[in-house]
Amino acid sequence: MANTMHFDLVSPERSLASLAVTAVQIPGADGDMTAMPDHAPTITTLRPGLLKVDAPEGSSEYLVTGGFAQINGDSMSVLAEKAIPVDEVTRAHLDDLIAEARASHDVAKENGDQSIVDDAAKLLADMEALGTHMSL
């Protein structure tokens, strides 16, 4: 299959995907990015968001909370901090993720390092926006 590349998605809990794909859209730290076969080699960090996979067998989506992606011309690996198939995400999952982000923000404010406070505030905003985007 010349128009596909191998894709792996893993989190600390489990391996979520290992298949041939035609495209993968990731929530990169610097903006959304789509990787396709013959993509230039790239390593990037992920922000919270939806990772979308297009494969010959169909499409799938995963909620990711962050992590790293390594893209080569013929393969792509995503190491996610947390990843959940979108069809398994409940409001309770999202509430837990928002609570974790809010706790991190509160700790950062107590410690007083403004750059960490800003990063934690961005994480909290991203997690809250995910709920709106997913209509949860």
N, C-alpha and C. Protein backbone atom coordinates (compact mmCIF):
# COMPACT_ATOMS: atom_id res chain seq x y z
N MET A 1 0.84 -1.19 0.00
CA MET A 1 0.00 0.00 0.00
C MET A 1 0.88 1.24 0.00
N ALA A 2 1.09 1.82 -1.13
CA ALA A 2 1.97 2.97 -1.25
C ALA A 2 1.37 4.24 -0.67
N ASN A 3 0.05 4.30 -0.54
CA ASN A 3 -0.58 5.51 -0.04
C ASN A 3 -0.94 5.42 1.44
N THR A 4 -0.26 4.56 2.16
CA THR A 4 -0.49 4.45 3.60
C THR A 4 0.85 4.49 4.33
N MET A 5 0.75 4.71 5.62
CA MET A 5 1.92 4.62 6.50
C MET A 5 1.47 3.90 7.76
N HIS A 6 2.41 3.35 8.51
CA HIS A 6 2.07 2.65 9.74
C HIS A 6 1.89 3.67 10.86
N PHE A 7 0.86 3.47 11.68
CA PHE A 7 0.55 4.38 12.79
C PHE A 7 0.41 3.57 14.07
N ASP A 8 1.06 4.06 15.13
CA ASP A 8 0.92 3.49 16.48
C ASP A 8 0.51 4.59 17.45
N LEU A 9 -0.46 4.29 18.29
CA LEU A 9 -0.87 5.19 19.37
C LEU A 9 -0.82 4.41 20.66
N VAL A 10 0.00 4.87 21.60
CA VAL A 10 0.11 4.21 22.90
C VAL A 10 0.01 5.22 24.02
N SER A 11 -0.52 4.76 25.14
CA SER A 11 -0.56 5.54 26.37
C SER A 11 0.03 4.65 27.46
N PRO A 12 0.27 5.18 28.64
CA PRO A 12 0.81 4.33 29.70
C PRO A 12 -0.10 3.15 30.05
N GLU A 13 -1.40 3.30 29.83
CA GLU A 13 -2.34 2.25 30.18
C GLU A 13 -2.43 1.14 29.15
N ARG A 14 -2.29 1.50 27.84
CA ARG A 14 -2.52 0.50 26.80
C ARG A 14 -2.10 0.99 25.42
N SER A 15 -2.03 0.04 24.51
CA SER A 15 -1.83 0.36 23.10
C SER A 15 -3.22 0.53 22.50
N LEU A 16 -3.48 1.67 21.88
CA LEU A 16 -4.81 1.95 21.36
C LEU A 16 -4.95 1.70 19.86
N ALA A 17 -3.86 1.82 19.11
CA ALA A 17 -3.95 1.62 17.66
C ALA A 17 -2.60 1.21 17.11
N SER A 18 -2.65 0.33 16.13
CA SER A 18 -1.47 -0.06 15.37
C SER A 18 -1.99 -0.54 14.02
N LEU A 19 -1.94 0.33 13.01
CA LEU A 19 -2.57 0.03 11.75
C LEU A 19 -2.00 0.89 10.62
N ALA A 20 -2.35 0.52 9.39
CA ALA A 20 -1.99 1.31 8.22
C ALA A 20 -3.01 2.44 8.08
N VAL A 21 -2.52 3.67 7.86
CA VAL A 21 -3.40 4.84 7.77
C VAL A 21 -3.05 5.66 6.54
N THR A 22 -4.02 6.48 6.13
CA THR A 22 -3.78 7.41 5.02
C THR A 22 -3.46 8.80 5.54
N ALA A 23 -3.94 9.14 6.74
CA ALA A 23 -3.66 10.45 7.34
C ALA A 23 -3.97 10.42 8.83
N VAL A 24 -3.23 11.23 9.58
CA VAL A 24 -3.47 11.39 11.02
C VAL A 24 -3.39 12.87 11.33
N GLN A 25 -4.46 13.41 11.91
CA GLN A 25 -4.46 14.82 12.34
C GLN A 25 -4.21 14.84 13.84
N ILE A 26 -3.20 15.59 14.26
CA ILE A 26 -2.84 15.65 15.68
C ILE A 26 -2.97 17.07 16.20
N PRO A 27 -3.30 17.21 17.49
CA PRO A 27 -3.32 18.53 18.12
C PRO A 27 -1.91 18.91 18.58
N GLY A 28 -1.10 19.40 17.67
CA GLY A 28 0.28 19.76 18.00
C GLY A 28 0.33 20.97 18.92
N ALA A 29 1.40 21.09 19.67
CA ALA A 29 1.55 22.21 20.59
C ALA A 29 1.54 23.55 19.86
N ASP A 30 2.00 23.55 18.60
CA ASP A 30 2.03 24.78 17.82
C ASP A 30 0.87 24.88 16.85
N GLY A 31 -0.12 24.01 16.97
CA GLY A 31 -1.29 24.02 16.09
C GLY A 31 -1.55 22.64 15.54
N ASP A 32 -2.74 22.46 14.98
CA ASP A 32 -3.09 21.17 14.42
C ASP A 32 -2.19 20.86 13.24
N MET A 33 -1.90 19.57 13.06
CA MET A 33 -1.00 19.12 12.00
C MET A 33 -1.54 17.82 11.45
N THR A 34 -1.47 17.67 10.13
CA THR A 34 -1.87 16.42 9.50
C THR A 34 -0.64 15.76 8.91
N ALA A 35 -0.45 14.50 9.27
CA ALA A 35 0.67 13.71 8.74
C ALA A 35 0.11 12.70 7.75
N MET A 36 0.78 12.59 6.62
CA MET A 36 0.40 11.65 5.57
C MET A 36 1.66 10.92 5.11
N PRO A 37 1.51 9.84 4.33
CA PRO A 37 2.70 9.15 3.84
C PRO A 37 3.68 10.12 3.17
N ASP A 38 4.97 9.87 3.36
CA ASP A 38 6.06 10.70 2.83
C ASP A 38 6.18 12.06 3.52
N HIS A 39 5.59 12.21 4.71
CA HIS A 39 5.73 13.45 5.49
C HIS A 39 7.19 13.61 5.89
N ALA A 40 7.65 14.84 5.95
CA ALA A 40 9.02 15.12 6.40
C ALA A 40 9.18 14.64 7.84
N PRO A 41 10.34 14.10 8.19
CA PRO A 41 10.56 13.66 9.57
C PRO A 41 10.36 14.81 10.55
N THR A 42 9.55 14.55 11.58
CA THR A 42 9.20 15.59 12.56
C THR A 42 8.97 14.95 13.92
N ILE A 43 9.37 15.67 14.95
CA ILE A 43 9.01 15.31 16.32
C ILE A 43 8.35 16.54 16.91
N THR A 44 7.19 16.35 17.54
CA THR A 44 6.46 17.47 18.11
C THR A 44 5.78 17.05 19.40
N THR A 45 5.44 18.03 20.21
CA THR A 45 4.67 17.77 21.42
C THR A 45 3.19 17.97 21.09
N LEU A 46 2.36 17.37 21.91
CA LEU A 46 0.91 17.47 21.73
C LEU A 46 0.30 18.30 22.85
N ARG A 47 -0.77 18.98 22.52
CA ARG A 47 -1.58 19.66 23.52
C ARG A 47 -2.88 18.84 23.65
N PRO A 48 -3.68 19.09 24.67
CA PRO A 48 -4.95 18.38 24.78
C PRO A 48 -5.82 18.65 23.54
N GLY A 49 -6.44 17.60 23.04
CA GLY A 49 -7.30 17.76 21.87
C GLY A 49 -7.70 16.42 21.30
N LEU A 50 -8.22 16.48 20.07
CA LEU A 50 -8.67 15.28 19.38
C LEU A 50 -7.65 14.86 18.33
N LEU A 51 -7.29 13.61 18.34
CA LEU A 51 -6.41 13.02 17.36
C LEU A 51 -7.32 12.23 16.41
N LYS A 52 -7.25 12.53 15.11
CA LYS A 52 -8.14 11.91 14.12
C LYS A 52 -7.34 11.04 13.17
N VAL A 53 -7.78 9.81 12.99
CA VAL A 53 -7.08 8.83 12.17
C VAL A 53 -7.97 8.45 10.98
N ASP A 54 -7.42 8.56 9.77
CA ASP A 54 -8.11 8.10 8.56
C ASP A 54 -7.36 6.88 8.05
N ALA A 55 -8.08 5.78 7.94
CA ALA A 55 -7.50 4.51 7.47
C ALA A 55 -8.38 3.97 6.35
N PRO A 56 -7.84 3.06 5.55
CA PRO A 56 -8.67 2.46 4.50
C PRO A 56 -9.94 1.81 5.05
N GLU A 57 -9.88 1.30 6.29
CA GLU A 57 -11.04 0.65 6.91
C GLU A 57 -12.03 1.63 7.52
N GLY A 58 -11.66 2.90 7.65
CA GLY A 58 -12.54 3.89 8.25
C GLY A 58 -11.77 4.87 9.11
N SER A 59 -12.51 5.75 9.76
CA SER A 59 -11.91 6.80 10.59
C SER A 59 -12.16 6.52 12.06
N SER A 60 -11.28 7.06 12.90
CA SER A 60 -11.45 6.98 14.34
C SER A 60 -10.88 8.22 14.99
N GLU A 61 -11.36 8.52 16.19
CA GLU A 61 -10.89 9.69 16.93
C GLU A 61 -10.57 9.30 18.36
N TYR A 62 -9.56 10.00 18.89
CA TYR A 62 -9.12 9.76 20.26
C TYR A 62 -8.94 11.10 20.96
N LEU A 63 -9.34 11.16 22.22
CA LEU A 63 -9.04 12.32 23.05
C LEU A 63 -7.66 12.09 23.63
N VAL A 64 -6.75 13.05 23.46
CA VAL A 64 -5.42 12.96 24.05
C VAL A 64 -5.21 14.17 24.94
N THR A 65 -4.46 13.99 26.02
CA THR A 65 -4.22 15.10 26.94
C THR A 65 -2.85 15.73 26.77
N GLY A 66 -2.05 15.18 25.89
CA GLY A 66 -0.70 15.68 25.66
C GLY A 66 0.18 14.50 25.30
N GLY A 67 1.45 14.77 25.07
CA GLY A 67 2.38 13.71 24.74
C GLY A 67 3.31 14.14 23.62
N PHE A 68 3.77 13.16 22.85
CA PHE A 68 4.73 13.40 21.78
C PHE A 68 4.33 12.63 20.54
N ALA A 69 4.68 13.17 19.37
CA ALA A 69 4.48 12.47 18.11
C ALA A 69 5.79 12.47 17.34
N GLN A 70 6.12 11.31 16.77
CA GLN A 70 7.28 11.20 15.90
C GLN A 70 6.76 10.76 14.54
N ILE A 71 7.07 11.56 13.53
CA ILE A 71 6.60 11.30 12.17
C ILE A 71 7.80 11.02 11.29
N ASN A 72 7.72 9.93 10.54
CA ASN A 72 8.70 9.59 9.51
C ASN A 72 7.92 9.46 8.20
N GLY A 73 8.60 9.29 7.11
CA GLY A 73 7.90 9.18 5.84
C GLY A 73 6.97 7.99 5.75
N ASP A 74 7.32 6.88 6.41
CA ASP A 74 6.52 5.67 6.29
C ASP A 74 5.87 5.22 7.59
N SER A 75 6.00 6.03 8.66
CA SER A 75 5.39 5.65 9.93
C SER A 75 5.20 6.87 10.83
N MET A 76 4.35 6.67 11.84
CA MET A 76 4.10 7.71 12.83
C MET A 76 3.79 7.03 14.15
N SER A 77 4.42 7.52 15.22
CA SER A 77 4.16 7.01 16.56
C SER A 77 3.73 8.15 17.45
N VAL A 78 2.66 7.93 18.22
CA VAL A 78 2.20 8.92 19.19
C VAL A 78 2.27 8.27 20.56
N LEU A 79 2.99 8.92 21.46
CA LEU A 79 3.08 8.51 22.86
C LEU A 79 2.26 9.53 23.65
N ALA A 80 1.07 9.15 24.02
CA ALA A 80 0.14 10.07 24.68
C ALA A 80 0.21 9.95 26.19
N GLU A 81 0.11 11.09 26.88
CA GLU A 81 0.03 11.06 28.34
C GLU A 81 -1.19 10.26 28.76
N LYS A 82 -2.34 10.58 28.16
CA LYS A 82 -3.59 9.84 28.31
C LYS A 82 -4.26 9.86 26.95
N ALA A 83 -4.88 8.76 26.59
CA ALA A 83 -5.62 8.68 25.33
C ALA A 83 -6.84 7.80 25.54
N ILE A 84 -7.98 8.26 25.03
CA ILE A 84 -9.23 7.54 25.17
C ILE A 84 -9.97 7.61 23.84
N PRO A 85 -10.43 6.48 23.30
CA PRO A 85 -11.25 6.56 22.10
C PRO A 85 -12.46 7.47 22.37
N VAL A 86 -12.78 8.34 21.43
CA VAL A 86 -13.85 9.31 21.64
C VAL A 86 -15.17 8.64 21.99
N ASP A 87 -15.45 7.49 21.40
CA ASP A 87 -16.72 6.84 21.70
C ASP A 87 -16.78 6.25 23.11
N GLU A 88 -15.66 6.25 23.84
CA GLU A 88 -15.63 5.80 25.23
C GLU A 88 -15.61 6.95 26.23
N VAL A 89 -15.46 8.19 25.75
CA VAL A 89 -15.35 9.35 26.64
C VAL A 89 -16.73 9.70 27.20
N THR A 90 -16.77 9.84 28.51
CA THR A 90 -18.00 10.27 29.18
C THR A 90 -17.77 11.63 29.83
N ARG A 91 -18.83 12.24 30.26
CA ARG A 91 -18.71 13.52 30.96
C ARG A 91 -17.87 13.34 32.23
N ALA A 92 -17.97 12.19 32.86
CA ALA A 92 -17.18 11.93 34.07
C ALA A 92 -15.69 11.92 33.75
N HIS A 93 -15.29 11.29 32.61
CA HIS A 93 -13.88 11.32 32.19
C HIS A 93 -13.41 12.76 32.06
N LEU A 94 -14.21 13.55 31.35
CA LEU A 94 -13.83 14.94 31.10
C LEU A 94 -13.78 15.74 32.40
N ASP A 95 -14.74 15.53 33.28
CA ASP A 95 -14.73 16.23 34.57
C ASP A 95 -13.48 15.90 35.37
N ASP A 96 -13.05 14.63 35.33
CA ASP A 96 -11.81 14.24 36.03
C ASP A 96 -10.60 14.94 35.44
N LEU A 97 -10.53 15.01 34.11
CA LEU A 97 -9.40 15.67 33.45
C LEU A 97 -9.38 17.17 33.77
N ILE A 98 -10.55 17.79 33.79
CA ILE A 98 -10.64 19.22 34.13
C ILE A 98 -10.24 19.44 35.58
N ALA A 99 -10.67 18.55 36.47
CA ALA A 99 -10.31 18.68 37.89
C ALA A 99 -8.80 18.57 38.08
N GLU A 100 -8.16 17.63 37.35
CA GLU A 100 -6.69 17.50 37.43
C GLU A 100 -6.02 18.78 36.93
N ALA A 101 -6.51 19.33 35.82
CA ALA A 101 -5.92 20.56 35.27
C ALA A 101 -6.11 21.73 36.23
N ARG A 102 -7.29 21.81 36.85
CA ARG A 102 -7.56 22.88 37.81
C ARG A 102 -6.64 22.75 39.03
N ALA A 103 -6.43 21.53 39.51
CA ALA A 103 -5.53 21.32 40.66
C ALA A 103 -4.10 21.72 40.29
N SER A 104 -3.65 21.39 39.09
CA SER A 104 -2.31 21.78 38.64
C SER A 104 -2.19 23.30 38.58
N HIS A 105 -3.24 23.95 38.11
CA HIS A 105 -3.25 25.42 38.04
C HIS A 105 -3.17 26.03 39.43
N ASP A 106 -3.94 25.48 40.36
CA ASP A 106 -3.92 25.99 41.74
C ASP A 106 -2.55 25.84 42.38
N VAL A 107 -1.90 24.69 42.17
CA VAL A 107 -0.56 24.46 42.72
C VAL A 107 0.43 25.45 42.09
N ALA A 108 0.32 25.66 40.79
CA ALA A 108 1.23 26.60 40.10
C ALA A 108 1.06 28.01 40.65
N LYS A 109 -0.18 28.41 40.92
CA LYS A 109 -0.41 29.76 41.47
C LYS A 109 0.21 29.89 42.86
N GLU A 110 0.13 28.84 43.66
CA GLU A 110 0.72 28.87 45.00
C GLU A 110 2.24 29.00 44.94
N ASN A 111 2.86 28.35 43.95
CA ASN A 111 4.31 28.39 43.81
C ASN A 111 4.81 29.68 43.19
N GLY A 112 3.95 30.39 42.48
CA GLY A 112 4.27 31.73 42.02
C GLY A 112 5.11 31.89 40.77
N ASP A 113 5.53 30.83 40.10
CA ASP A 113 6.30 30.95 38.85
C ASP A 113 5.32 31.26 37.72
N GLN A 114 5.37 32.47 37.19
CA GLN A 114 4.36 32.92 36.23
C GLN A 114 4.32 32.08 34.96
N SER A 115 5.45 31.60 34.48
CA SER A 115 5.42 30.80 33.25
C SER A 115 4.71 29.47 33.49
N ILE A 116 4.88 28.90 34.68
CA ILE A 116 4.19 27.65 35.02
C ILE A 116 2.70 27.93 35.22
N VAL A 117 2.37 29.05 35.82
CA VAL A 117 0.97 29.43 35.99
C VAL A 117 0.31 29.58 34.63
N ASP A 118 1.00 30.23 33.69
CA ASP A 118 0.45 30.42 32.35
C ASP A 118 0.24 29.08 31.64
N ASP A 119 1.22 28.17 31.76
CA ASP A 119 1.09 26.85 31.15
C ASP A 119 -0.09 26.08 31.75
N ALA A 120 -0.23 26.15 33.06
CA ALA A 120 -1.33 25.45 33.73
C ALA A 120 -2.68 26.05 33.34
N ALA A 121 -2.73 27.37 33.20
CA ALA A 121 -3.97 28.03 32.78
C ALA A 121 -4.34 27.62 31.36
N LYS A 122 -3.35 27.49 30.49
CA LYS A 122 -3.59 27.06 29.11
C LYS A 122 -4.10 25.63 29.10
N LEU A 123 -3.50 24.75 29.90
CA LEU A 123 -3.96 23.37 29.98
C LEU A 123 -5.41 23.31 30.44
N LEU A 124 -5.75 24.08 31.47
CA LEU A 124 -7.12 24.11 31.98
C LEU A 124 -8.08 24.60 30.90
N ALA A 125 -7.72 25.66 30.19
CA ALA A 125 -8.58 26.18 29.12
C ALA A 125 -8.76 25.16 28.01
N ASP A 126 -7.68 24.47 27.63
CA ASP A 126 -7.77 23.44 26.59
C ASP A 126 -8.71 22.31 27.02
N MET A 127 -8.61 21.87 28.27
CA MET A 127 -9.46 20.78 28.75
C MET A 127 -10.93 21.21 28.77
N GLU A 128 -11.20 22.42 29.21
CA GLU A 128 -12.58 22.91 29.22
C GLU A 128 -13.12 23.05 27.79
N ALA A 129 -12.29 23.50 26.86
CA ALA A 129 -12.71 23.64 25.47
C ALA A 129 -13.01 22.29 24.83
N LEU A 130 -12.30 21.26 25.23
CA LEU A 130 -12.56 19.92 24.69
C LEU A 130 -14.00 19.50 24.98
N GLY A 131 -14.46 19.77 26.17
CA GLY A 131 -15.84 19.41 26.52
C GLY A 131 -16.85 20.11 25.64
N THR A 132 -16.61 21.37 25.36
CA THR A 132 -17.51 22.13 24.48
C THR A 132 -17.43 21.56 23.07
N HIS A 133 -16.22 21.29 22.59
CA HIS A 133 -16.03 20.78 21.23
C HIS A 133 -16.70 19.41 21.06
N MET A 134 -16.65 18.59 22.10
CA MET A 134 -17.22 17.25 22.03
C MET A 134 -18.69 17.22 22.44
N SER A 135 -19.26 18.38 22.77
CA SER A 135 -20.65 18.48 23.20
C SER A 135 -20.96 17.63 24.43
N LEU A 136 -20.00 17.61 25.38
CA LEU A 136 -20.23 16.86 26.63
C LEU A 136 -20.55 17.82 27.75
